[in-house]
Amino acid sequence: MKAIAGLGNPGAEYAQTPHNLGFMAADALCERLGAGPWKQEKRFKTLAAKATRNGETLWLLKPQTYMNASGDAVGPFLRYHGGQPGDLLVLSDDCDLPPGRIRVRPSGGAGGHNGLKSIIANLGTEAFARVRIGAGRAPGERRALAGYVLHRYAGKELEAAQEAAQEAAEAALCWVDHGLAEAQNRHNAARTENTL
């Protein structure tokens, strides 16, 4: 089995915000795979959708714990289904990346991201892959980081965020089909950043 977890916050007030880019990418991936509908897995505090890819079970997850406790959903779900950290890919926003850029990584620290920090703590390791989706602030953006990551995208900003979510979904599929190295080769140097 493989599992791909998109990180975000549940609730309409958080939809289409920079901090929910992981949810947006998971939704794009679910649509591409025809994996829906999302089902509430109360035992694991997550929405889940199941697909089969290359003869293997692929689980898509959107933790409903709020960002800071993402590991409380992802870790137990992965263990219950017999997965190892190497079977997991996490989709998350990254305020250190320019808007529209994505970065595929094999492992690493949380980089100040509380969702990743929670998953690392729950799994007891940093050794899981991730696709980080650029949510960096545009030049001249004056909101504090906490306010910025929770503001709602609109107009061209929303279009650019949706494009980035689609590319993150492509990178996730590449990870499933061809492995991590190929996903890095195809997507880390790929496209010029979008201007939000």
C-alpha atoms as a PDB file:
ATOM      1  CA  MET A   1       0.000   0.000   0.000  1.00  0.00           C
ATOM      2  CA  LYS A   2       0.890   3.649  -0.395  1.00  0.00           C
ATOM      3  CA  ALA A   3      -0.662   6.652   1.318  1.00  0.00           C
ATOM      4  CA  ILE A   4      -0.709  10.291   0.243  1.00  0.00           C
ATOM      5  CA  ALA A   5      -1.770  12.804   2.882  1.00  0.00           C
ATOM      6  CA  GLY A   6      -2.725  16.360   1.955  1.00  0.00           C
ATOM      7  CA  LEU A   7      -2.468  18.711   4.932  1.00  0.00           C
ATOM      8  CA  GLY A   8      -4.849  21.518   5.816  1.00  0.00           C
ATOM      9  CA  ASN A   9      -7.523  22.666   8.235  1.00  0.00           C
ATOM     10  CA  PRO A  10     -11.118  21.411   8.040  1.00  0.00           C
ATOM     11  CA  GLY A  11     -14.006  23.854   7.732  1.00  0.00           C
ATOM     12  CA  ALA A  12     -15.283  26.269   5.117  1.00  0.00           C
ATOM     13  CA  GLU A  13     -13.489  29.223   6.714  1.00  0.00           C
ATOM     14  CA  TYR A  14     -10.106  27.627   5.858  1.00  0.00           C
ATOM     15  CA  ALA A  15     -10.932  26.517   2.310  1.00  0.00           C
ATOM     16  CA  GLN A  16      -8.797  28.053  -0.440  1.00  0.00           C
ATOM     17  CA  THR A  17      -6.197  29.488   1.922  1.00  0.00           C
ATOM     18  CA  PRO A  18      -2.414  29.051   1.554  1.00  0.00           C
ATOM     19  CA  HIS A  19      -2.336  26.706   4.566  1.00  0.00           C
ATOM     20  CA  ASN A  20      -4.795  24.393   2.757  1.00  0.00           C
ATOM     21  CA  LEU A  21      -2.727  23.882  -0.401  1.00  0.00           C
ATOM     22  CA  GLY A  22      -2.217  20.266   0.708  1.00  0.00           C
ATOM     23  CA  PHE A  23      -5.989  19.703   0.768  1.00  0.00           C
ATOM     24  CA  MET A  24      -6.296  21.354  -2.653  1.00  0.00           C
ATOM     25  CA  ALA A  25      -3.614  19.045  -4.092  1.00  0.00           C
ATOM     26  CA  ALA A  26      -5.254  15.976  -2.497  1.00  0.00           C
ATOM     27  CA  ASP A  27      -8.596  16.967  -4.058  1.00  0.00           C
ATOM     28  CA  ALA A  28      -6.928  17.375  -7.471  1.00  0.00           C
ATOM     29  CA  LEU A  29      -5.290  13.964  -7.096  1.00  0.00           C
ATOM     30  CA  CYS A  30      -8.558  12.339  -6.000  1.00  0.00           C
ATOM     31  CA  GLU A  31     -10.278  13.706  -9.094  1.00  0.00           C
ATOM     32  CA  ARG A  32      -7.509  12.488 -11.429  1.00  0.00           C
ATOM     33  CA  LEU A  33      -7.625   8.996  -9.931  1.00  0.00           C
ATOM     34  CA  GLY A  34     -11.418   8.812  -9.789  1.00  0.00           C
ATOM     35  CA  ALA A  35     -10.896   7.795  -6.168  1.00  0.00           C
ATOM     36  CA  GLY A  36     -13.797   9.600  -4.534  1.00  0.00           C
ATOM     37  CA  PRO A  37     -15.948  10.204  -2.791  1.00  0.00           C
ATOM     38  CA  TRP A  38     -14.098  11.167   0.354  1.00  0.00           C
ATOM     39  CA  LYS A  39     -15.348   9.183   3.343  1.00  0.00           C
ATOM     40  CA  GLN A  40     -15.063  10.116   6.995  1.00  0.00           C
ATOM     41  CA  GLU A  41     -12.858   7.643   8.879  1.00  0.00           C
ATOM     42  CA  LYS A  42     -13.800   8.714  12.410  1.00  0.00           C
ATOM     43  CA  ARG A  43     -11.531   6.155  14.032  1.00  0.00           C
ATOM     44  CA  PHE A  44      -8.560   7.832  12.376  1.00  0.00           C
ATOM     45  CA  LYS A  45      -9.822  11.444  12.357  1.00  0.00           C
ATOM     46  CA  THR A  46      -9.406  11.753   8.606  1.00  0.00           C
ATOM     47  CA  LEU A  47     -11.236  11.864   5.322  1.00  0.00           C
ATOM     48  CA  ALA A  48     -10.030   8.996   3.131  1.00  0.00           C
ATOM     49  CA  ALA A  49     -10.446   7.938  -0.492  1.00  0.00           C
ATOM     50  CA  LYS A  50      -9.196   4.646  -1.894  1.00  0.00           C
ATOM     51  CA  ALA A  51      -7.825   3.915  -5.358  1.00  0.00           C
ATOM     52  CA  THR A  52      -5.893   1.161  -7.051  1.00  0.00           C
ATOM     53  CA  ARG A  53      -2.824   2.142  -9.045  1.00  0.00           C
ATOM     54  CA  ASN A  54      -0.453  -0.307 -10.721  1.00  0.00           C
ATOM     55  CA  GLY A  55      -2.215  -3.142  -8.899  1.00  0.00           C
ATOM     56  CA  GLU A  56      -1.487  -1.573  -5.503  1.00  0.00           C
ATOM     57  CA  THR A  57      -3.831   0.036  -2.977  1.00  0.00           C
ATOM     58  CA  LEU A  58      -3.413   3.803  -2.766  1.00  0.00           C
ATOM     59  CA  TRP A  59      -5.024   5.733   0.084  1.00  0.00           C
ATOM     60  CA  LEU A  60      -5.594   9.490  -0.097  1.00  0.00           C
ATOM     61  CA  LEU A  61      -6.002  11.271   3.231  1.00  0.00           C
ATOM     62  CA  LYS A  62      -7.140  14.700   4.425  1.00  0.00           C
ATOM     63  CA  PRO A  63      -6.643  14.780   8.225  1.00  0.00           C
ATOM     64  CA  GLN A  64      -9.531  16.449  10.078  1.00  0.00           C
ATOM     65  CA  THR A  65      -7.514  17.134  13.237  1.00  0.00           C
ATOM     66  CA  TYR A  66      -6.445  20.673  12.274  1.00  0.00           C
ATOM     67  CA  MET A  67      -2.954  21.232  10.992  1.00  0.00           C
ATOM     68  CA  ASN A  68      -1.035  21.084  14.274  1.00  0.00           C
ATOM     69  CA  ALA A  69      -2.250  17.533  15.045  1.00  0.00           C
ATOM     70  CA  SER A  70      -1.990  16.020  11.546  1.00  0.00           C
ATOM     71  CA  GLY A  71       0.162  13.167  12.871  1.00  0.00           C
ATOM     72  CA  ASP A  72      -2.690  11.999  15.116  1.00  0.00           C
ATOM     73  CA  ALA A  73      -4.571  11.028  11.937  1.00  0.00           C
ATOM     74  CA  VAL A  74      -1.778  10.027   9.550  1.00  0.00           C
ATOM     75  CA  GLY A  75       0.306   7.861  11.907  1.00  0.00           C
ATOM     76  CA  PRO A  76      -2.476   5.580  13.206  1.00  0.00           C
ATOM     77  CA  PHE A  77      -4.001   5.213   9.723  1.00  0.00           C
ATOM     78  CA  LEU A  78      -0.670   4.223   8.194  1.00  0.00           C
ATOM     79  CA  ARG A  79       0.119   1.703  10.948  1.00  0.00           C
ATOM     80  CA  TYR A  80      -3.372   0.156  10.860  1.00  0.00           C
ATOM     81  CA  HIS A  81      -3.080  -0.499   7.123  1.00  0.00           C
ATOM     82  CA  GLY A  82       0.397  -1.995   7.436  1.00  0.00           C
ATOM     83  CA  GLY A  83       2.248   0.932   5.903  1.00  0.00           C
ATOM     84  CA  GLN A  84       5.756   2.109   6.748  1.00  0.00           C
ATOM     85  CA  PRO A  85       7.041   5.700   6.672  1.00  0.00           C
ATOM     86  CA  GLY A  86       8.559   4.959   3.239  1.00  0.00           C
ATOM     87  CA  ASP A  87       5.032   4.271   1.933  1.00  0.00           C
ATOM     88  CA  LEU A  88       3.887   7.810   2.795  1.00  0.00           C
ATOM     89  CA  LEU A  89       3.934  11.016   0.758  1.00  0.00           C
ATOM     90  CA  VAL A  90       2.782  14.268   2.402  1.00  0.00           C
ATOM     91  CA  LEU A  91       1.476  17.282   0.447  1.00  0.00           C
ATOM     92  CA  SER A  92       1.893  20.556   2.330  1.00  0.00           C
ATOM     93  CA  ASP A  93       2.265  24.304   1.890  1.00  0.00           C
ATOM     94  CA  ASP A  94       5.688  25.910   2.232  1.00  0.00           C
ATOM     95  CA  CYS A  95       6.050  29.630   2.926  1.00  0.00           C
ATOM     96  CA  ASP A  96       9.768  29.490   2.098  1.00  0.00           C
ATOM     97  CA  LEU A  97       9.023  28.539  -1.511  1.00  0.00           C
ATOM     98  CA  PRO A  98       7.844  31.151  -4.017  1.00  0.00           C
ATOM     99  CA  PRO A  99       4.170  30.939  -5.006  1.00  0.00           C
ATOM    100  CA  GLY A 100       3.497  28.256  -7.579  1.00  0.00           C
ATOM    101  CA  ARG A 101       6.770  26.360  -7.107  1.00  0.00           C
ATOM    102  CA  ILE A 102       6.811  22.823  -5.776  1.00  0.00           C
ATOM    103  CA  ARG A 103       9.640  20.828  -4.256  1.00  0.00           C
ATOM    104  CA  VAL A 104       9.763  17.024  -3.927  1.00  0.00           C
ATOM    105  CA  ARG A 105      11.858  15.806  -1.008  1.00  0.00           C
ATOM    106  CA  PRO A 106      12.723  12.302   0.232  1.00  0.00           C
ATOM    107  CA  SER A 107      12.763  13.302   3.913  1.00  0.00           C
ATOM    108  CA  GLY A 108      13.897  16.130   6.159  1.00  0.00           C
ATOM    109  CA  GLY A 109      12.861  18.282   9.051  1.00  0.00           C
ATOM    110  CA  ALA A 110       9.620  20.150   9.519  1.00  0.00           C
ATOM    111  CA  GLY A 111      11.053  23.492   8.420  1.00  0.00           C
ATOM    112  CA  GLY A 112       8.758  25.251  10.904  1.00  0.00           C
ATOM    113  CA  HIS A 113       5.641  23.550   9.489  1.00  0.00           C
ATOM    114  CA  ASN A 114       3.492  22.324  12.384  1.00  0.00           C
ATOM    115  CA  GLY A 115       1.682  19.682  10.329  1.00  0.00           C
ATOM    116  CA  LEU A 116       4.966  18.063   9.306  1.00  0.00           C
ATOM    117  CA  LYS A 117       6.248  18.429  12.859  1.00  0.00           C
ATOM    118  CA  SER A 118       3.224  16.499  14.155  1.00  0.00           C
ATOM    119  CA  ILE A 119       3.673  13.681  11.608  1.00  0.00           C
ATOM    120  CA  ILE A 120       7.389  13.392  12.396  1.00  0.00           C
ATOM    121  CA  ALA A 121       6.594  13.165  16.117  1.00  0.00           C
ATOM    122  CA  ASN A 122       3.892  10.525  15.596  1.00  0.00           C
ATOM    123  CA  LEU A 123       5.947   8.355  13.234  1.00  0.00           C
ATOM    124  CA  GLY A 124       9.167   8.842  15.179  1.00  0.00           C
ATOM    125  CA  THR A 125      11.075   9.564  11.965  1.00  0.00           C
ATOM    126  CA  GLU A 126      11.611  12.202   9.274  1.00  0.00           C
ATOM    127  CA  ALA A 127      12.041   9.455   6.641  1.00  0.00           C
ATOM    128  CA  PHE A 128       8.920  10.000   4.561  1.00  0.00           C
ATOM    129  CA  ALA A 129       8.572  11.778   1.225  1.00  0.00           C
ATOM    130  CA  ARG A 130       6.889  15.126   0.828  1.00  0.00           C
ATOM    131  CA  VAL A 131       5.795  17.531  -1.887  1.00  0.00           C
ATOM    132  CA  ARG A 132       6.045  21.090  -0.629  1.00  0.00           C
ATOM    133  CA  ILE A 133       3.858  23.619  -2.432  1.00  0.00           C
ATOM    134  CA  GLY A 134       5.039  27.215  -2.598  1.00  0.00           C
ATOM    135  CA  ALA A 135       2.941  29.655  -0.605  1.00  0.00           C
ATOM    136  CA  GLY A 136       5.587  32.334  -0.163  1.00  0.00           C
ATOM    137  CA  ARG A 137       4.401  35.858   0.262  1.00  0.00           C
ATOM    138  CA  ALA A 138       4.566  38.206  -2.699  1.00  0.00           C
ATOM    139  CA  PRO A 139       6.870  41.236  -2.432  1.00  0.00           C
ATOM    140  CA  GLY A 140       5.190  43.961  -0.407  1.00  0.00           C
ATOM    141  CA  GLU A 141       2.908  41.546   1.476  1.00  0.00           C
ATOM    142  CA  ARG A 142       2.539  43.066   4.951  1.00  0.00           C
ATOM    143  CA  ARG A 143       0.372  40.586   6.821  1.00  0.00           C
ATOM    144  CA  ALA A 144       2.054  38.571   9.573  1.00  0.00           C
ATOM    145  CA  LEU A 145       2.749  34.972   8.540  1.00  0.00           C
ATOM    146  CA  ALA A 146      -0.119  33.556  10.648  1.00  0.00           C
ATOM    147  CA  GLY A 147      -2.572  35.945   9.005  1.00  0.00           C
ATOM    148  CA  TYR A 148      -1.148  35.400   5.538  1.00  0.00           C
ATOM    149  CA  VAL A 149      -1.433  31.585   5.528  1.00  0.00           C
ATOM    150  CA  LEU A 150      -5.097  31.832   6.579  1.00  0.00           C
ATOM    151  CA  HIS A 151      -6.223  34.538   4.133  1.00  0.00           C
ATOM    152  CA  ARG A 152      -8.541  33.404   1.326  1.00  0.00           C
ATOM    153  CA  TYR A 153      -7.219  33.239  -2.206  1.00  0.00           C
ATOM    154  CA  ALA A 154      -9.230  35.097  -4.846  1.00  0.00           C
ATOM    155  CA  GLY A 155      -8.920  35.950  -8.529  1.00  0.00           C
ATOM    156  CA  LYS A 156      -5.490  35.396 -10.090  1.00  0.00           C
ATOM    157  CA  GLU A 157      -4.103  34.311  -6.724  1.00  0.00           C
ATOM    158  CA  LEU A 158      -6.641  31.472  -6.581  1.00  0.00           C
ATOM    159  CA  GLU A 159      -5.932  30.451 -10.194  1.00  0.00           C
ATOM    160  CA  ALA A 160      -2.200  30.256  -9.480  1.00  0.00           C
ATOM    161  CA  ALA A 161      -2.811  28.247  -6.292  1.00  0.00           C
ATOM    162  CA  GLN A 162      -5.011  25.797  -8.216  1.00  0.00           C
ATOM    163  CA  GLU A 163      -2.303  25.376 -10.867  1.00  0.00           C
ATOM    164  CA  ALA A 164       0.276  24.669  -8.145  1.00  0.00           C
ATOM    165  CA  ALA A 165      -2.087  22.124  -6.556  1.00  0.00           C
ATOM    166  CA  GLN A 166      -2.462  20.407  -9.937  1.00  0.00           C
ATOM    167  CA  GLU A 167       1.299  20.209 -10.382  1.00  0.00           C
ATOM    168  CA  ALA A 168       1.681  18.812  -6.866  1.00  0.00           C
ATOM    169  CA  ALA A 169      -0.903  16.148  -7.790  1.00  0.00           C
ATOM    170  CA  GLU A 170       1.161  15.333 -10.917  1.00  0.00           C
ATOM    171  CA  ALA A 171       4.292  14.997  -8.782  1.00  0.00           C
ATOM    172  CA  ALA A 172       2.446  12.690  -6.373  1.00  0.00           C
ATOM    173  CA  LEU A 173       1.324  10.467  -9.258  1.00  0.00           C
ATOM    174  CA  CYS A 174       4.889  10.406 -10.573  1.00  0.00           C
ATOM    175  CA  TRP A 175       6.053   9.254  -7.098  1.00  0.00           C
ATOM    176  CA  VAL A 176       3.488   6.435  -7.195  1.00  0.00           C
ATOM    177  CA  ASP A 177       4.233   5.369 -10.778  1.00  0.00           C
ATOM    178  CA  HIS A 178       7.970   5.965 -11.142  1.00  0.00           C
ATOM    179  CA  GLY A 179       9.439   6.543  -7.678  1.00  0.00           C
ATOM    180  CA  LEU A 180      10.885   9.433  -5.767  1.00  0.00           C
ATOM    181  CA  ALA A 181      13.974  10.119  -7.898  1.00  0.00           C
ATOM    182  CA  GLU A 182      11.905  10.505 -11.063  1.00  0.00           C
ATOM    183  CA  ALA A 183       9.404  12.762  -9.278  1.00  0.00           C
ATOM    184  CA  GLN A 184      12.295  14.974  -8.153  1.00  0.00           C
ATOM    185  CA  ASN A 185      13.838  15.045 -11.639  1.00  0.00           C
ATOM    186  CA  ARG A 186      10.583  15.996 -13.327  1.00  0.00           C
ATOM    187  CA  HIS A 187       9.207  18.506 -10.847  1.00  0.00           C
ATOM    188  CA  ASN A 188      11.939  20.161  -8.771  1.00  0.00           C
ATOM    189  CA  ALA A 189      13.386  22.150 -11.654  1.00  0.00           C
ATOM    190  CA  ALA A 190      10.196  22.143 -13.630  1.00  0.00           C
ATOM    191  CA  ARG A 191       8.260  25.331 -13.984  1.00  0.00           C
ATOM    192  CA  THR A 192       8.779  28.973 -13.495  1.00  0.00           C
ATOM    193  CA  GLU A 193       6.969  30.205 -10.467  1.00  0.00           C
ATOM    194  CA  ASN A 194       3.532  31.725 -10.803  1.00  0.00           C
ATOM    195  CA  THR A 195       3.152  35.278  -9.677  1.00  0.00           C
ATOM    196  CA  LEU A 196       0.360  35.549  -7.132  1.00  0.00           C
END
